[in-house]
PDB file of N, CA and C in Angstrom:
ATOM      1  N   UNK A   1       8.749  -9.324  -2.620  1.00  0.00           N
ATOM      2  CA  UNK A   1       8.505  -9.083  -1.608  1.00  0.00           C
ATOM      3  C   UNK A   1       9.640  -9.473  -0.290  1.00  0.00           C
ATOM      4  N   UNK A   2       9.514  -9.001   0.642  1.00  0.00           N
ATOM      5  CA  UNK A   2      10.862  -9.200   1.753  1.00  0.00           C
ATOM      6  C   UNK A   2      10.115  -9.498   3.069  1.00  0.00           C
ATOM      7  N   UNK A   3      10.639 -10.562   3.743  1.00  0.00           N
ATOM      8  CA  UNK A   3      10.070 -11.044   5.033  1.00  0.00           C
ATOM      9  C   UNK A   3      11.471 -11.164   5.918  1.00  0.00           C
ATOM     10  N   UNK A   4      11.247 -10.577   7.049  1.00  0.00           N
ATOM     11  CA  UNK A   4      12.497 -10.811   8.026  1.00  0.00           C
ATOM     12  C   UNK A   4      11.753 -10.776   9.272  1.00  0.00           C
ATOM     13  N   UNK A   5      11.677 -11.666  10.276  1.00  0.00           N
ATOM     14  CA  UNK A   5      10.844 -11.757  11.293  1.00  0.00           C
ATOM     15  C   UNK A   5      11.830 -11.435  12.453  1.00  0.00           C
ATOM     16  N   UNK A   6      12.148 -10.232  12.898  1.00  0.00           N
ATOM     17  CA  UNK A   6      13.100  -9.948  13.946  1.00  0.00           C
ATOM     18  C   UNK A   6      12.806 -10.182  15.396  1.00  0.00           C
ATOM     19  N   UNK A   7      11.717 -10.388  15.613  1.00  0.00           N
ATOM     20  CA  UNK A   7      11.451 -10.478  17.390  1.00  0.00           C
ATOM     21  C   UNK A   7      11.688 -11.822  17.334  1.00  0.00           C
ATOM     22  N   UNK A   8      12.531 -12.159  18.582  1.00  0.00           N
ATOM     23  CA  UNK A   8      12.699 -13.802  19.191  1.00  0.00           C
ATOM     24  C   UNK A   8      12.641 -13.619  20.713  1.00  0.00           C
ATOM     25  N   UNK A   9      12.305 -14.787  20.964  1.00  0.00           N
ATOM     26  CA  UNK A   9      12.443 -15.038  22.537  1.00  0.00           C
ATOM     27  C   UNK A   9      13.632 -14.655  23.088  1.00  0.00           C
ATOM     28  N   UNK A  10      13.921 -14.459  24.066  1.00  0.00           N
ATOM     29  CA  UNK A  10      14.748 -14.025  24.866  1.00  0.00           C
ATOM     30  C   UNK A  10      15.972 -13.137  24.336  1.00  0.00           C
ATOM     31  N   UNK A  11      15.541 -12.569  23.232  1.00  0.00           N
ATOM     32  CA  UNK A  11      16.134 -11.113  22.620  1.00  0.00           C
ATOM     33  C   UNK A  11      15.879 -10.127  23.203  1.00  0.00           C
ATOM     34  N   UNK A  12      16.532  -8.818  23.616  1.00  0.00           N
ATOM     35  CA  UNK A  12      15.843  -7.658  24.131  1.00  0.00           C
ATOM     36  C   UNK A  12      15.110  -7.104  23.079  1.00  0.00           C
ATOM     37  N   UNK A  13      14.506  -6.169  23.599  1.00  0.00           N
ATOM     38  CA  UNK A  13      13.438  -5.458  22.448  1.00  0.00           C
ATOM     39  C   UNK A  13      14.390  -4.516  21.639  1.00  0.00           C
ATOM     40  N   UNK A  14      14.022  -4.364  20.510  1.00  0.00           N
ATOM     41  CA  UNK A  14      14.968  -3.924  19.655  1.00  0.00           C
ATOM     42  C   UNK A  14      16.405  -4.079  19.326  1.00  0.00           C
ATOM     43  N   UNK A  15      16.623  -5.277  19.839  1.00  0.00           N
ATOM     44  CA  UNK A  15      18.135  -5.811  19.718  1.00  0.00           C
ATOM     45  C   UNK A  15      18.370  -5.550  18.222  1.00  0.00           C
ATOM     46  N   UNK A  16      17.426  -5.906  17.371  1.00  0.00           N
ATOM     47  CA  UNK A  16      17.571  -6.391  15.752  1.00  0.00           C
ATOM     48  C   UNK A  16      17.520  -4.958  14.877  1.00  0.00           C
ATOM     49  N   UNK A  17      17.607  -3.760  15.703  1.00  0.00           N
ATOM     50  CA  UNK A  17      17.194  -2.674  14.454  1.00  0.00           C
ATOM     51  C   UNK A  17      17.995  -2.197  13.709  1.00  0.00           C
ATOM     52  N   UNK A  18      19.167  -2.160  14.080  1.00  0.00           N
ATOM     53  CA  UNK A  18      20.023  -1.526  13.001  1.00  0.00           C
ATOM     54  C   UNK A  18      20.272  -2.680  11.676  1.00  0.00           C
ATOM     55  N   UNK A  19      20.443  -3.862  12.132  1.00  0.00           N
ATOM     56  CA  UNK A  19      20.418  -5.104  10.686  1.00  0.00           C
ATOM     57  C   UNK A  19      19.199  -4.642  10.105  1.00  0.00           C
ATOM     58  N   UNK A  20      18.140  -4.754  10.788  1.00  0.00           N
ATOM     59  CA  UNK A  20      16.724  -4.926  10.131  1.00  0.00           C
ATOM     60  C   UNK A  20      16.866  -3.631   9.132  1.00  0.00           C
ATOM     61  N   UNK A  21      16.988  -2.490   9.752  1.00  0.00           N
ATOM     62  CA  UNK A  21      16.925  -1.393   8.966  1.00  0.00           C
ATOM     63  C   UNK A  21      17.603  -1.317   7.658  1.00  0.00           C
ATOM     64  N   UNK A  22      19.174  -1.613   7.884  1.00  0.00           N
ATOM     65  CA  UNK A  22      19.854  -1.586   6.817  1.00  0.00           C
ATOM     66  C   UNK A  22      19.624  -2.576   5.722  1.00  0.00           C
ATOM     67  N   UNK A  23      19.222  -3.891   6.139  1.00  0.00           N
ATOM     68  CA  UNK A  23      18.469  -4.772   5.000  1.00  0.00           C
ATOM     69  C   UNK A  23      17.405  -4.289   4.389  1.00  0.00           C
ATOM     70  N   UNK A  24      16.562  -3.757   5.265  1.00  0.00           N
ATOM     71  CA  UNK A  24      15.113  -3.118   4.443  1.00  0.00           C
ATOM     72  C   UNK A  24      15.680  -2.269   3.539  1.00  0.00           C
ATOM     73  N   UNK A  25      16.687  -1.239   3.641  1.00  0.00           N
ATOM     74  CA  UNK A  25      17.016  -0.147   2.528  1.00  0.00           C
ATOM     75  C   UNK A  25      17.711  -0.938   1.559  1.00  0.00           C
ATOM     76  N   UNK A  26      18.651  -2.046   1.594  1.00  0.00           N
ATOM     77  CA  UNK A  26      19.146  -2.520   0.621  1.00  0.00           C
ATOM     78  C   UNK A  26      18.041  -3.445  -0.406  1.00  0.00           C
ATOM     79  N   UNK A  27      17.287  -3.691   0.387  1.00  0.00           N
ATOM     80  CA  UNK A  27      16.185  -4.601  -0.461  1.00  0.00           C
ATOM     81  C   UNK A  27      15.357  -3.710  -1.270  1.00  0.00           C
ATOM     82  N   UNK A  28      14.880  -2.443  -0.606  1.00  0.00           N
ATOM     83  CA  UNK A  28      14.222  -1.134  -1.356  1.00  0.00           C
ATOM     84  C   UNK A  28      15.056  -0.662  -2.468  1.00  0.00           C
ATOM     85  N   UNK A  29      16.359  -0.503  -2.221  1.00  0.00           N
ATOM     86  CA  UNK A  29      17.268  -0.107  -3.360  1.00  0.00           C
ATOM     87  C   UNK A  29      17.213  -0.970  -4.802  1.00  0.00           C
ATOM     88  N   UNK A  30      17.150  -2.422  -4.234  1.00  0.00           N
ATOM     89  CA  UNK A  30      17.401  -3.318  -5.023  1.00  0.00           C
ATOM     90  C   UNK A  30      16.145  -3.405  -5.956  1.00  0.00           C
ATOM     91  N   UNK A  31      14.780  -3.503  -5.491  1.00  0.00           N
ATOM     92  CA  UNK A  31      13.688  -3.208  -5.795  1.00  0.00           C
ATOM     93  C   UNK A  31      13.494  -1.951  -6.955  1.00  0.00           C
ATOM     94  N   UNK A  32      14.053  -0.772  -6.535  1.00  0.00           N
ATOM     95  CA  UNK A  32      14.203   0.286  -7.200  1.00  0.00           C
ATOM     96  C   UNK A  32      14.908   0.325  -8.526  1.00  0.00           C
ATOM     97  N   UNK A  33      16.122  -0.569  -8.204  1.00  0.00           N
ATOM     98  CA  UNK A  33      17.138  -0.322  -9.286  1.00  0.00           C
ATOM     99  C   UNK A  33      16.443  -1.519 -10.310  1.00  0.00           C
ATOM    100  N   UNK A  34      15.864  -2.448 -10.140  1.00  0.00           N
ATOM    101  CA  UNK A  34      15.174  -3.425 -11.117  1.00  0.00           C
ATOM    102  C   UNK A  34      13.959  -2.738 -11.629  1.00  0.00           C
ATOM    103  N   UNK A  35      13.339  -1.782 -10.720  1.00  0.00           N
ATOM    104  CA  UNK A  35      12.246  -1.191 -11.429  1.00  0.00           C
ATOM    105  C   UNK A  35      10.880  -2.071 -11.063  1.00  0.00           C
ATOM    106  N   UNK A  36      11.019  -2.937  -9.791  1.00  0.00           N
ATOM    107  CA  UNK A  36       9.977  -3.564  -9.374  1.00  0.00           C
ATOM    108  C   UNK A  36       9.064  -3.108  -8.015  1.00  0.00           C
ATOM    109  N   UNK A  37       8.269  -3.373  -8.004  1.00  0.00           N
ATOM    110  CA  UNK A  37       7.057  -3.000  -6.608  1.00  0.00           C
ATOM    111  C   UNK A  37       8.093  -3.807  -5.584  1.00  0.00           C
ATOM    112  N   UNK A  38       7.708  -3.082  -4.506  1.00  0.00           N
ATOM    113  CA  UNK A  38       8.349  -3.436  -3.243  1.00  0.00           C
ATOM    114  C   UNK A  38       7.275  -3.965  -2.028  1.00  0.00           C
ATOM    115  N   UNK A  39       7.083  -5.197  -1.539  1.00  0.00           N
ATOM    116  CA  UNK A  39       5.881  -5.254  -0.518  1.00  0.00           C
ATOM    117  C   UNK A  39       6.732  -6.007   0.706  1.00  0.00           C
ATOM    118  N   UNK A  40       6.544  -5.104   1.872  1.00  0.00           N
ATOM    119  CA  UNK A  40       7.504  -5.538   3.048  1.00  0.00           C
ATOM    120  C   UNK A  40       6.066  -6.689   3.919  1.00  0.00           C
ATOM    121  N   UNK A  41       6.741  -7.845   4.045  1.00  0.00           N
ATOM    122  CA  UNK A  41       6.153  -8.616   4.870  1.00  0.00           C
ATOM    123  C   UNK A  41       6.219  -8.610   6.508  1.00  0.00           C
ATOM    124  N   UNK A  42       5.690  -7.914   7.430  1.00  0.00           N
ATOM    125  CA  UNK A  42       5.838  -7.816   8.596  1.00  0.00           C
ATOM    126  C   UNK A  42       5.348  -8.980   9.801  1.00  0.00           C
ATOM    127  N   UNK A  43       6.344  -8.989  10.636  1.00  0.00           N
ATOM    128  CA  UNK A  43       5.721 -10.106  11.694  1.00  0.00           C
ATOM    129  C   UNK A  43       4.660  -9.577  12.340  1.00  0.00           C
ATOM    130  N   UNK A  44       3.890 -10.578  12.488  1.00  0.00           N
ATOM    131  CA  UNK A  44       2.507 -10.431  13.243  1.00  0.00           C
ATOM    132  C   UNK A  44       2.353 -11.830  13.781  1.00  0.00           C
ATOM    133  N   UNK A  45       3.066 -12.670  14.278  1.00  0.00           N
ATOM    134  CA  UNK A  45       3.167 -14.011  14.884  1.00  0.00           C
ATOM    135  C   UNK A  45       4.007 -14.776  15.641  1.00  0.00           C
ATOM    136  N   UNK A  46       3.912 -15.668  16.364  1.00  0.00           N
ATOM    137  CA  UNK A  46       5.137 -16.130  16.902  1.00  0.00           C
ATOM    138  C   UNK A  46       5.075 -17.588  16.810  1.00  0.00           C
ATOM    139  N   UNK A  47       6.111 -18.269  16.982  1.00  0.00           N
ATOM    140  CA  UNK A  47       6.300 -19.702  16.708  1.00  0.00           C
ATOM    141  C   UNK A  47       7.319 -20.279  17.667  1.00  0.00           C
ATOM    142  N   UNK A  48       6.949 -21.375  18.329  1.00  0.00           N
ATOM    143  CA  UNK A  48       8.056 -21.831  19.130  1.00  0.00           C
ATOM    144  C   UNK A  48       9.015 -22.612  18.529  1.00  0.00           C
ATOM    145  N   UNK A  49       9.026 -23.146  17.562  1.00  0.00           N
ATOM    146  CA  UNK A  49       9.926 -24.256  16.874  1.00  0.00           C
ATOM    147  C   UNK A  49      10.879 -23.094  16.459  1.00  0.00           C
ATOM    148  N   UNK A  50      10.812 -21.828  15.873  1.00  0.00           N
ATOM    149  CA  UNK A  50      11.998 -21.229  15.163  1.00  0.00           C
ATOM    150  C   UNK A  50      12.214 -20.075  16.577  1.00  0.00           C
ATOM    151  N   UNK A  51      11.469 -20.251  17.519  1.00  0.00           N
ATOM    152  CA  UNK A  51      11.827 -19.241  18.573  1.00  0.00           C
ATOM    153  C   UNK A  51      11.205 -17.731  18.396  1.00  0.00           C
ATOM    154  N   UNK A  52      10.370 -17.701  17.496  1.00  0.00           N
ATOM    155  CA  UNK A  52      10.019 -16.117  17.221  1.00  0.00           C
ATOM    156  C   UNK A  52       8.902 -15.831  18.259  1.00  0.00           C
ATOM    157  N   UNK A  53       8.641 -14.440  18.776  1.00  0.00           N
ATOM    158  CA  UNK A  53       7.916 -13.988  19.536  1.00  0.00           C
ATOM    159  C   UNK A  53       6.995 -12.956  19.245  1.00  0.00           C
ATOM    160  N   UNK A  54       6.008 -12.771  19.479  1.00  0.00           N
ATOM    161  CA  UNK A  54       5.249 -11.478  19.110  1.00  0.00           C
ATOM    162  C   UNK A  54       5.874 -10.250  19.292  1.00  0.00           C
ATOM    163  N   UNK A  55       5.872  -9.338  18.177  1.00  0.00           N
ATOM    164  CA  UNK A  55       6.475  -8.151  18.517  1.00  0.00           C
ATOM    165  C   UNK A  55       5.676  -7.299  19.801  1.00  0.00           C
ATOM    166  N   UNK A  56       6.499  -6.548  20.373  1.00  0.00           N
ATOM    167  CA  UNK A  56       5.989  -5.514  21.316  1.00  0.00           C
ATOM    168  C   UNK A  56       4.998  -4.350  20.658  1.00  0.00           C
ATOM    169  N   UNK A  57       4.381  -3.634  21.586  1.00  0.00           N
ATOM    170  CA  UNK A  57       3.937  -2.724  20.651  1.00  0.00           C
ATOM    171  C   UNK A  57       4.837  -1.673  20.133  1.00  0.00           C
ATOM    172  N   UNK A  58       5.761  -1.377  20.900  1.00  0.00           N
ATOM    173  CA  UNK A  58       6.757  -0.373  20.151  1.00  0.00           C
ATOM    174  C   UNK A  58       7.336  -0.956  18.827  1.00  0.00           C
ATOM    175  N   UNK A  59       7.712  -2.387  18.806  1.00  0.00           N
ATOM    176  CA  UNK A  59       8.597  -3.058  17.453  1.00  0.00           C
ATOM    177  C   UNK A  59       7.462  -3.129  16.673  1.00  0.00           C
ATOM    178  N   UNK A  60       6.385  -3.527  16.598  1.00  0.00           N
ATOM    179  CA  UNK A  60       5.329  -3.482  15.430  1.00  0.00           C
ATOM    180  C   UNK A  60       5.096  -2.327  14.948  1.00  0.00           C
ATOM    181  N   UNK A  61       4.983  -1.316  15.803  1.00  0.00           N
ATOM    182  CA  UNK A  61       4.645   0.436  15.498  1.00  0.00           C
ATOM    183  C   UNK A  61       6.006   0.647  14.719  1.00  0.00           C
ATOM    184  N   UNK A  62       7.370   0.260  15.048  1.00  0.00           N
ATOM    185  CA  UNK A  62       8.329   0.518  14.291  1.00  0.00           C
ATOM    186  C   UNK A  62       8.756  -0.044  13.208  1.00  0.00           C
ATOM    187  N   UNK A  63       8.165  -1.378  12.820  1.00  0.00           N
ATOM    188  CA  UNK A  63       8.687  -1.731  11.605  1.00  0.00           C
ATOM    189  C   UNK A  63       7.504  -1.600  10.773  1.00  0.00           C
ATOM    190  N   UNK A  64       6.523  -1.253  11.241  1.00  0.00           N
ATOM    191  CA  UNK A  64       5.166  -0.710  10.272  1.00  0.00           C
ATOM    192  C   UNK A  64       5.648   0.869   9.613  1.00  0.00           C
ATOM    193  N   UNK A  65       5.866   1.450  10.721  1.00  0.00           N
ATOM    194  CA  UNK A  65       6.277   2.839  10.326  1.00  0.00           C
ATOM    195  C   UNK A  65       7.611   3.007   9.373  1.00  0.00           C
ATOM    196  N   UNK A  66       8.447   2.204   9.574  1.00  0.00           N
ATOM    197  CA  UNK A  66       9.930   2.077   9.093  1.00  0.00           C
ATOM    198  C   UNK A  66       9.707   1.847   7.806  1.00  0.00           C
ATOM    199  N   UNK A  67       8.794   0.739   7.670  1.00  0.00           N
ATOM    200  CA  UNK A  67       8.714   0.336   5.999  1.00  0.00           C
ATOM    201  C   UNK A  67       8.042   1.289   5.416  1.00  0.00           C
ATOM    202  N   UNK A  68       6.749   1.708   5.793  1.00  0.00           N
ATOM    203  CA  UNK A  68       5.926   2.504   4.776  1.00  0.00           C
ATOM    204  C   UNK A  68       6.847   4.298   4.657  1.00  0.00           C
ATOM    205  N   UNK A  69       7.493   4.608   5.794  1.00  0.00           N
ATOM    206  CA  UNK A  69       8.402   5.785   5.334  1.00  0.00           C
ATOM    207  C   UNK A  69       9.445   5.413   4.609  1.00  0.00           C
ATOM    208  N   UNK A  70       9.778   4.239   4.471  1.00  0.00           N
ATOM    209  CA  UNK A  70      11.115   4.218   3.327  1.00  0.00           C
ATOM    210  C   UNK A  70      10.525   3.835   2.201  1.00  0.00           C
ATOM    211  N   UNK A  71       9.308   3.891   2.001  1.00  0.00           N
ATOM    212  CA  UNK A  71       8.501   4.044   0.476  1.00  0.00           C
ATOM    213  C   UNK A  71       8.333   2.619  -0.163  1.00  0.00           C
ATOM    214  N   UNK A  72       7.888   1.817   0.776  1.00  0.00           N
ATOM    215  CA  UNK A  72       7.343   0.514   0.241  1.00  0.00           C
ATOM    216  C   UNK A  72       6.011   0.918  -0.485  1.00  0.00           C
ATOM    217  N   UNK A  73       5.752  -0.102  -1.448  1.00  0.00           N
ATOM    218  CA  UNK A  73       4.297  -0.006  -2.160  1.00  0.00           C
ATOM    219  C   UNK A  73       3.452  -0.994  -1.376  1.00  0.00           C
ATOM    220  N   UNK A  74       3.647  -1.509  -0.300  1.00  0.00           N
ATOM    221  CA  UNK A  74       2.607  -2.211   0.060  1.00  0.00           C
ATOM    222  C   UNK A  74       3.191  -3.250   1.637  1.00  0.00           C
ATOM    223  N   UNK A  75       2.239  -3.310   2.299  1.00  0.00           N
ATOM    224  CA  UNK A  75       2.753  -4.024   3.544  1.00  0.00           C
ATOM    225  C   UNK A  75       1.883  -5.304   3.987  1.00  0.00           C
ATOM    226  N   UNK A  76       2.147  -6.275   4.096  1.00  0.00           N
ATOM    227  CA  UNK A  76       1.435  -7.594   4.658  1.00  0.00           C
ATOM    228  C   UNK A  76       2.157  -7.845   5.838  1.00  0.00           C
ATOM    229  N   UNK A  77       0.965  -8.394   6.623  1.00  0.00           N
ATOM    230  CA  UNK A  77       1.160  -8.850   8.150  1.00  0.00           C
ATOM    231  C   UNK A  77       1.095 -10.431   8.067  1.00  0.00           C
ATOM    232  N   UNK A  78       2.138 -10.915   8.301  1.00  0.00           N
ATOM    233  CA  UNK A  78       2.150 -12.344   8.079  1.00  0.00           C
ATOM    234  C   UNK A  78       1.894 -13.235   9.326  1.00  0.00           C
ATOM    235  N   UNK A  79       0.565 -13.552   8.938  1.00  0.00           N
ATOM    236  CA  UNK A  79      -0.206 -14.715   9.928  1.00  0.00           C
ATOM    237  C   UNK A  79      -0.848 -14.282  11.087  1.00  0.00           C
ATOM    238  N   UNK A  80      -1.240 -12.623  10.883  1.00  0.00           N
ATOM    239  CA  UNK A  80      -1.607 -12.284  12.267  1.00  0.00           C
ATOM    240  C   UNK A  80      -2.955 -13.198  12.652  1.00  0.00           C
ATOM    241  N   UNK A  81      -3.564 -13.664  11.535  1.00  0.00           N
ATOM    242  CA  UNK A  81      -4.850 -14.246  12.069  1.00  0.00           C
ATOM    243  C   UNK A  81      -4.308 -15.783  13.155  1.00  0.00           C
ATOM    244  N   UNK A  82      -3.367 -15.978  12.726  1.00  0.00           N
ATOM    245  CA  UNK A  82      -2.808 -17.125  13.990  1.00  0.00           C
ATOM    246  C   UNK A  82      -2.179 -16.627  15.385  1.00  0.00           C
ATOM    247  N   UNK A  83      -2.326 -15.432  15.393  1.00  0.00           N
ATOM    248  CA  UNK A  83      -1.651 -15.002  16.664  1.00  0.00           C
ATOM    249  C   UNK A  83      -2.839 -14.915  17.641  1.00  0.00           C
ATOM    250  N   UNK A  84      -2.141 -14.774  18.836  1.00  0.00           N
ATOM    251  CA  UNK A  84      -2.724 -14.762  20.149  1.00  0.00           C
ATOM    252  C   UNK A  84      -4.034 -13.641  20.054  1.00  0.00           C
ATOM    253  N   UNK A  85      -5.148 -13.938  20.337  1.00  0.00           N
ATOM    254  CA  UNK A  85      -6.246 -12.842  20.280  1.00  0.00           C
ATOM    255  C   UNK A  85      -5.865 -11.749  21.278  1.00  0.00           C
ATOM    256  N   UNK A  86      -5.423 -12.067  22.128  1.00  0.00           N
ATOM    257  CA  UNK A  86      -4.969 -10.779  23.147  1.00  0.00           C
ATOM    258  C   UNK A  86      -4.057  -9.789  22.536  1.00  0.00           C
ATOM    259  N   UNK A  87      -3.139 -10.436  21.912  1.00  0.00           N
ATOM    260  CA  UNK A  87      -2.078  -9.805  21.428  1.00  0.00           C
ATOM    261  C   UNK A  87      -2.832  -8.910  20.006  1.00  0.00           C
ATOM    262  N   UNK A  88      -3.380  -9.528  19.508  1.00  0.00           N
ATOM    263  CA  UNK A  88      -4.303  -8.945  18.454  1.00  0.00           C
ATOM    264  C   UNK A  88      -4.834  -7.960  19.023  1.00  0.00           C
ATOM    265  N   UNK A  89      -5.564  -7.837  19.962  1.00  0.00           N
ATOM    266  CA  UNK A  89      -6.850  -7.079  20.407  1.00  0.00           C
ATOM    267  C   UNK A  89      -5.856  -5.671  21.302  1.00  0.00           C
ATOM    268  N   UNK A  90      -4.894  -6.249  21.833  1.00  0.00           N
ATOM    269  CA  UNK A  90      -4.437  -4.916  22.632  1.00  0.00           C
ATOM    270  C   UNK A  90      -3.153  -4.395  22.036  1.00  0.00           C
ATOM    271  N   UNK A  91      -2.403  -5.058  20.905  1.00  0.00           N
ATOM    272  CA  UNK A  91      -1.358  -4.485  20.292  1.00  0.00           C
ATOM    273  C   UNK A  91      -1.701  -4.107  18.863  1.00  0.00           C
ATOM    274  N   UNK A  92      -1.889  -5.482  18.122  1.00  0.00           N
ATOM    275  CA  UNK A  92      -2.053  -5.359  16.647  1.00  0.00           C
ATOM    276  C   UNK A  92      -2.968  -4.164  16.247  1.00  0.00           C
ATOM    277  N   UNK A  93      -4.380  -4.362  16.574  1.00  0.00           N
ATOM    278  CA  UNK A  93      -5.571  -3.783  16.171  1.00  0.00           C
ATOM    279  C   UNK A  93      -5.514  -2.304  16.498  1.00  0.00           C
ATOM    280  N   UNK A  94      -4.822  -1.947  18.130  1.00  0.00           N
ATOM    281  CA  UNK A  94      -4.772  -0.718  18.015  1.00  0.00           C
ATOM    282  C   UNK A  94      -3.601   0.179  17.192  1.00  0.00           C
ATOM    283  N   UNK A  95      -2.528  -0.762  16.874  1.00  0.00           N
ATOM    284  CA  UNK A  95      -1.335  -0.060  16.140  1.00  0.00           C
ATOM    285  C   UNK A  95      -1.965   0.388  14.478  1.00  0.00           C
ATOM    286  N   UNK A  96      -2.910  -0.703  14.011  1.00  0.00           N
ATOM    287  CA  UNK A  96      -3.517  -0.459  13.015  1.00  0.00           C
ATOM    288  C   UNK A  96      -4.389   0.652  12.582  1.00  0.00           C
ATOM    289  N   UNK A  97      -5.197   0.864  13.700  1.00  0.00           N
ATOM    290  CA  UNK A  97      -6.218   1.939  13.861  1.00  0.00           C
ATOM    291  C   UNK A  97      -5.272   3.352  14.036  1.00  0.00           C
ATOM    292  N   UNK A  98      -4.195   3.530  14.867  1.00  0.00           N
ATOM    293  CA  UNK A  98      -3.426   4.587  14.886  1.00  0.00           C
ATOM    294  C   UNK A  98      -2.819   4.879  13.626  1.00  0.00           C
ATOM    295  N   UNK A  99      -2.408   3.950  12.837  1.00  0.00           N
ATOM    296  CA  UNK A  99      -1.588   4.111  11.659  1.00  0.00           C
ATOM    297  C   UNK A  99      -2.644   4.826  10.654  1.00  0.00           C
ATOM    298  N   UNK A 100      -4.020   4.175  10.487  1.00  0.00           N
ATOM    299  CA  UNK A 100      -5.131   4.849   9.593  1.00  0.00           C
ATOM    300  C   UNK A 100      -5.051   6.245   9.658  1.00  0.00           C
ATOM    301  N   UNK A 101      -5.153   6.721  11.323  1.00  0.00           N
ATOM    302  CA  UNK A 101      -5.206   8.098  11.153  1.00  0.00           C
ATOM    303  C   UNK A 101      -4.152   8.903  11.035  1.00  0.00           C
ATOM    304  N   UNK A 102      -2.919   8.433  10.646  1.00  0.00           N
ATOM    305  CA  UNK A 102      -1.818   9.107  10.227  1.00  0.00           C
ATOM    306  C   UNK A 102      -1.292   8.675   8.951  1.00  0.00           C
ATOM    307  N   UNK A 103      -2.043   8.017   8.402  1.00  0.00           N
ATOM    308  CA  UNK A 103      -1.756   7.375   7.110  1.00  0.00           C
ATOM    309  C   UNK A 103      -1.459   8.356   5.804  1.00  0.00           C
ATOM    310  N   UNK A 104      -2.225   9.432   5.879  1.00  0.00           N
ATOM    311  CA  UNK A 104      -1.776  10.585   4.753  1.00  0.00           C
ATOM    312  C   UNK A 104      -0.526  11.427   5.085  1.00  0.00           C
ATOM    313  N   UNK A 105      -0.267  11.636   6.256  1.00  0.00           N
ATOM    314  CA  UNK A 105       0.778  12.203   6.805  1.00  0.00           C
ATOM    315  C   UNK A 105       2.117  11.333   6.589  1.00  0.00           C
ATOM    316  N   UNK A 106       2.021   9.974   6.920  1.00  0.00           N
ATOM    317  CA  UNK A 106       3.018   9.229   6.640  1.00  0.00           C
ATOM    318  C   UNK A 106       3.618   8.678   5.091  1.00  0.00           C
ATOM    319  N   UNK A 107       2.747   8.625   4.269  1.00  0.00           N
ATOM    320  CA  UNK A 107       2.745   8.308   2.946  1.00  0.00           C
ATOM    321  C   UNK A 107       2.736   9.666   2.095  1.00  0.00           C
ATOM    322  N   UNK A 108       3.677  10.416   2.064  1.00  0.00           N
ATOM    323  CA  UNK A 108       3.791  11.934   1.650  1.00  0.00           C
ATOM    324  C   UNK A 108       3.773  11.373  -0.079  1.00  0.00           C
ATOM    325  N   UNK A 109       3.124  12.242  -0.770  1.00  0.00           N
ATOM    326  CA  UNK A 109       3.007  12.218  -2.080  1.00  0.00           C
ATOM    327  C   UNK A 109       2.530  10.870  -2.990  1.00  0.00           C
ATOM    328  N   UNK A 110       2.086  10.093  -1.931  1.00  0.00           N
ATOM    329  CA  UNK A 110       1.515   8.721  -2.537  1.00  0.00           C
ATOM    330  C   UNK A 110       0.063   8.873  -2.864  1.00  0.00           C
ATOM    331  N   UNK A 111      -0.475   8.253  -3.988  1.00  0.00           N
ATOM    332  CA  UNK A 111      -1.930   8.225  -4.203  1.00  0.00           C
ATOM    333  C   UNK A 111      -2.548   6.923  -3.846  1.00  0.00           C
ATOM    334  N   UNK A 112      -3.123   7.031  -2.407  1.00  0.00           N
ATOM    335  CA  UNK A 112      -3.946   5.573  -1.825  1.00  0.00           C
ATOM    336  C   UNK A 112      -5.068   5.440  -2.585  1.00  0.00           C
ATOM    337  N   UNK A 113      -5.718   6.172  -3.206  1.00  0.00           N
ATOM    338  CA  UNK A 113      -7.101   5.817  -3.760  1.00  0.00           C
ATOM    339  C   UNK A 113      -7.218   4.702  -4.406  1.00  0.00           C
ATOM    340  N   UNK A 114      -6.024   4.114  -5.165  1.00  0.00           N
ATOM    341  CA  UNK A 114      -6.102   3.042  -6.100  1.00  0.00           C
ATOM    342  C   UNK A 114      -5.267   1.694  -5.282  1.00  0.00           C
ATOM    343  N   UNK A 115      -5.294   1.797  -3.814  1.00  0.00           N
ATOM    344  CA  UNK A 115      -4.802   0.927  -2.924  1.00  0.00           C
ATOM    345  C   UNK A 115      -5.820  -0.451  -3.192  1.00  0.00           C
ATOM    346  N   UNK A 116      -5.012  -1.668  -2.850  1.00  0.00           N
ATOM    347  CA  UNK A 116      -5.790  -2.594  -3.011  1.00  0.00           C
ATOM    348  C   UNK A 116      -7.021  -2.855  -1.981  1.00  0.00           C
ATOM    349  N   UNK A 117      -8.403  -3.303  -2.011  1.00  0.00           N
ATOM    350  CA  UNK A 117      -9.076  -3.296  -1.220  1.00  0.00           C
ATOM    351  C   UNK A 117      -9.529  -4.490  -1.324  1.00  0.00           C
ATOM    352  N   UNK A 118      -9.743  -5.075  -0.240  1.00  0.00           N
ATOM    353  CA  UNK A 118     -10.312  -6.577   0.168  1.00  0.00           C
ATOM    354  C   UNK A 118     -11.837  -6.343   0.961  1.00  0.00           C
ATOM    355  N   UNK A 119     -12.526  -7.005   0.421  1.00  0.00           N
ATOM    356  CA  UNK A 119     -13.826  -7.174   1.253  1.00  0.00           C
ATOM    357  C   UNK A 119     -14.059  -8.459   2.164  1.00  0.00           C
ATOM    358  N   UNK A 120     -13.407  -8.672   2.984  1.00  0.00           N
ATOM    359  CA  UNK A 120     -13.426  -9.640   3.705  1.00  0.00           C
ATOM    360  C   UNK A 120     -12.964  -9.311   5.262  1.00  0.00           C
ATOM    361  N   UNK A 121     -13.581  -9.856   6.308  1.00  0.00           N
ATOM    362  CA  UNK A 121     -13.749  -9.040   7.536  1.00  0.00           C
ATOM    363  C   UNK A 121     -12.472 -10.005   8.298  1.00  0.00           C
ATOM    364  N   UNK A 122     -12.033 -11.130   7.740  1.00  0.00           N
ATOM    365  CA  UNK A 122     -10.953 -11.830   8.421  1.00  0.00           C
ATOM    366  C   UNK A 122      -9.465 -11.161   7.784  1.00  0.00           C
ATOM    367  N   UNK A 123      -9.400 -10.399   7.029  1.00  0.00           N
ATOM    368  CA  UNK A 123      -8.393  -9.919   6.431  1.00  0.00           C
ATOM    369  C   UNK A 123      -8.049  -8.557   6.906  1.00  0.00           C
TER     370      UNK A 123
END
């Protein structure tokens, strides 16, 4: 698993893109070299102490599609349930709904029929 939460208070939108993408590719390559599964843990929360801010709609879309398009084996959204309801309802849930519509086009050649399934309304 790899987690790097790039969105911070007082930093311009997408100021972190180049480093994020480079690090993601390095970690995916390392996992592949070691024949390990790779799960990307995406930022879906904010934290005043570490000055993390919630990703904008464009940022959460970017990190989701970049991760999946890079060939990750799975995606986790860290602590989204502690996020602000307004953010969840206006940004996060619509992005997940959008992604579900395009998942077969994005995951080229992947068999998602054996994906992990959880029967819980809060996950």
